[in-house]
Amino acid sequence: MENLDTGDEPLFVWGAKFSHVTLTGNFGRLVINSSVNPPAIPIGDSEEFKMANTPQATTDWTLDISNAHAQELTLRGIQAQYVRIDPQTQAIVRREMVPRNSRWKSACSGTWWFNSIEAMMKSDQDDVLLITPRSRPDADVFIRAIEELRNLGIADMPE
């Protein structure tokens, strides 16, 4: 998928399951959820969610966002280990890394990632992807936040 104009409001995608899908170019605001049903079924509580969030055994990667330049790109319920990312502008935060250090909250200043990490901690998700909105004028604030989270040992590079 290339150069998706989503208009002023975010485009929500529900029940998404990918296998070798690449997002590239300029995007507006896009929120991709692996959950089949919108908020009626809490994330992680449905069989549909569990099936959509489990890649096939033969899948080496599901989604490539390394060249996506979005105003906002949020992935919910998609396992980070199967997503190809740009290590300069995108990072993975794993659940087990967050409790070790509470300073991560100030590292997220100026971004919406505090909410992303908090939502992961309140759910049964193992990780969350932090994706810099590269088409925004304040993208450098997000990039600095990734660097600080990595320095704190909270965010890591893709495997």
Protein backbone atom coordinates (compact mmCIF):
# COMPACT_ATOMS: atom_id res chain seq x y z
CA MET A 1 0.00 0.00 0.00
CA GLU A 2 1.45 3.35 -0.99
CA ASN A 3 0.54 6.98 -0.27
CA LEU A 4 -2.79 6.63 1.56
CA ASP A 5 -4.72 9.86 2.08
CA THR A 6 -6.93 9.31 5.11
CA GLY A 7 -8.33 12.84 5.30
CA ASP A 8 -8.53 14.76 8.56
CA GLU A 9 -9.74 11.89 10.74
CA PRO A 10 -7.85 8.65 11.43
CA LEU A 11 -8.75 5.61 9.35
CA PHE A 12 -9.45 2.63 11.63
CA VAL A 13 -8.85 -0.87 10.28
CA TRP A 14 -10.34 -3.77 12.28
CA GLY A 15 -9.53 -7.47 12.03
CA ALA A 16 -6.29 -6.90 10.15
CA LYS A 17 -4.05 -9.87 9.49
CA PHE A 18 -1.01 -9.43 7.27
CA SER A 19 1.50 -11.54 5.42
CA HIS A 20 4.27 -9.65 3.59
CA VAL A 21 2.37 -6.36 3.33
CA THR A 22 4.38 -3.17 2.86
CA LEU A 23 3.22 0.34 3.76
CA THR A 24 5.31 2.94 1.97
CA GLY A 25 5.14 6.64 1.16
CA ASN A 26 3.04 9.33 2.77
CA PHE A 27 0.08 8.44 4.98
CA GLY A 28 -2.38 10.45 6.98
CA ARG A 29 -3.59 9.00 10.28
CA LEU A 30 -3.99 5.22 10.31
CA VAL A 31 -4.88 2.92 13.22
CA ILE A 32 -4.61 -0.82 12.51
CA ASN A 33 -6.19 -3.26 14.97
CA SER A 34 -5.84 -7.03 14.85
CA SER A 35 -9.06 -7.33 16.86
CA VAL A 36 -11.99 -8.33 14.67
CA ASN A 37 -14.58 -6.35 16.60
CA PRO A 38 -14.32 -2.69 17.56
CA PRO A 39 -14.29 -1.94 21.31
CA ALA A 40 -17.25 -4.25 22.04
CA ILE A 41 -14.72 -7.04 22.78
CA PRO A 42 -11.72 -5.99 24.88
CA ILE A 43 -8.37 -6.56 23.16
CA GLY A 44 -6.96 -9.94 24.00
CA ASP A 45 -10.22 -11.43 25.28
CA SER A 46 -11.59 -12.91 22.08
CA GLU A 47 -10.67 -15.96 20.05
CA GLU A 48 -10.74 -13.73 16.96
CA PHE A 49 -8.06 -11.51 18.49
CA LYS A 50 -5.86 -14.44 19.39
CA MET A 51 -6.16 -15.91 15.88
CA ALA A 52 -5.53 -12.59 14.13
CA ASN A 53 -2.51 -11.92 16.34
CA THR A 54 -0.88 -15.29 15.71
CA PRO A 55 1.21 -15.35 12.53
CA GLN A 56 1.36 -18.57 10.56
CA ALA A 57 4.38 -20.72 11.38
CA THR A 58 5.84 -20.06 7.93
CA THR A 59 5.65 -16.25 8.23
CA ASP A 60 8.99 -14.51 8.68
CA TRP A 61 7.39 -11.04 8.66
CA THR A 62 3.86 -9.73 8.37
CA LEU A 63 4.06 -5.98 7.90
CA ASP A 64 6.84 -3.65 6.70
CA ILE A 65 6.43 -0.06 7.91
CA SER A 66 10.07 0.95 7.55
CA ASN A 67 9.31 3.41 4.71
CA ALA A 68 5.91 4.62 5.86
CA HIS A 69 5.84 8.36 6.49
CA ALA A 70 2.63 8.91 8.43
CA GLN A 71 1.11 11.74 10.42
CA GLU A 72 0.13 9.01 12.85
CA LEU A 73 0.44 5.23 12.55
CA THR A 74 -0.74 3.02 15.39
CA LEU A 75 -0.61 -0.77 15.39
CA ARG A 76 -2.66 -2.56 18.04
CA GLY A 77 -2.38 -6.26 18.71
CA ILE A 78 0.21 -6.90 16.01
CA GLN A 79 3.32 -8.66 17.32
CA ALA A 80 6.33 -6.39 16.90
CA GLN A 81 8.69 -9.26 16.20
CA TYR A 82 6.97 -9.77 12.84
CA VAL A 83 7.04 -6.11 11.77
CA ARG A 84 9.92 -4.65 9.77
CA ILE A 85 10.75 -1.21 11.11
CA ASP A 86 13.15 1.68 10.56
CA PRO A 87 15.41 1.59 13.64
CA GLN A 88 16.08 5.34 13.43
CA THR A 89 12.43 6.38 13.74
CA GLN A 90 10.64 3.33 15.15
CA ALA A 91 11.22 1.20 18.23
CA ILE A 92 9.83 -1.73 20.18
CA VAL A 93 8.89 -1.52 23.86
CA ARG A 94 8.47 -4.91 25.50
CA ARG A 95 6.35 -5.37 28.59
CA GLU A 96 9.16 -6.90 30.65
CA MET A 97 11.38 -3.85 30.09
CA VAL A 98 8.97 -1.20 31.39
CA PRO A 99 8.82 -2.02 35.15
CA ARG A 100 12.61 -1.89 35.49
CA ASN A 101 12.71 1.86 35.19
CA SER A 102 10.01 4.43 35.90
CA ARG A 103 11.90 7.27 34.18
CA TRP A 104 10.37 6.27 30.84
CA LYS A 105 7.41 8.54 31.51
CA SER A 106 9.46 11.72 31.21
CA ALA A 107 11.22 10.33 28.12
CA CYS A 108 7.82 10.29 26.38
CA SER A 109 7.26 14.02 26.95
CA GLY A 110 5.89 15.73 23.85
CA THR A 111 4.63 12.45 22.36
CA TRP A 112 1.52 10.31 22.79
CA TRP A 113 3.64 7.25 23.59
CA PHE A 114 2.97 7.44 27.32
CA ASN A 115 -0.61 6.39 26.48
CA SER A 116 0.62 3.65 24.13
CA ILE A 117 2.90 2.13 26.76
CA GLU A 118 0.30 2.45 29.51
CA ALA A 119 -2.31 0.72 27.31
CA MET A 120 0.11 -2.14 26.67
CA MET A 121 0.77 -2.53 30.40
CA LYS A 122 -2.99 -2.66 31.13
CA SER A 123 -3.64 -5.26 28.43
CA ASP A 124 -2.18 -8.67 27.72
CA GLN A 125 -0.04 -7.39 24.86
CA ASP A 126 3.65 -8.35 25.03
CA ASP A 127 4.95 -5.30 23.21
CA VAL A 128 4.12 -2.04 21.51
CA LEU A 129 5.68 -0.35 18.50
CA LEU A 130 6.59 3.31 18.80
CA ILE A 131 6.31 4.85 15.36
CA THR A 132 7.56 8.38 14.73
CA PRO A 133 5.06 10.46 12.76
CA ARG A 134 7.68 11.37 10.16
CA SER A 135 5.42 13.69 8.17
CA ARG A 136 4.82 15.94 11.18
CA PRO A 137 6.99 19.02 11.73
CA ASP A 138 7.79 17.88 15.31
CA ALA A 139 9.05 14.42 14.26
CA ASP A 140 12.42 15.18 15.88
CA VAL A 141 10.71 15.19 19.33
CA PHE A 142 9.61 11.58 18.75
CA ILE A 143 13.04 10.54 17.47
CA ARG A 144 14.69 12.01 20.59
CA ALA A 145 12.16 10.14 22.75
CA ILE A 146 13.14 6.86 21.06
CA GLU A 147 16.82 7.60 21.71
CA GLU A 148 16.12 8.40 25.37
CA LEU A 149 13.97 5.27 25.83
CA ARG A 150 16.77 3.18 24.32
CA ASN A 151 19.32 4.81 26.62
CA LEU A 152 17.10 3.89 29.55
CA GLY A 153 16.85 0.30 28.35
CA ILE A 154 13.10 0.58 27.77
CA ALA A 155 13.00 0.47 23.96
CA ASP A 156 15.01 -1.91 21.88
CA MET A 157 16.07 -2.49 18.33
CA PRO A 158 14.38 -5.05 16.10
CA GLU A 159 15.78 -8.57 16.35
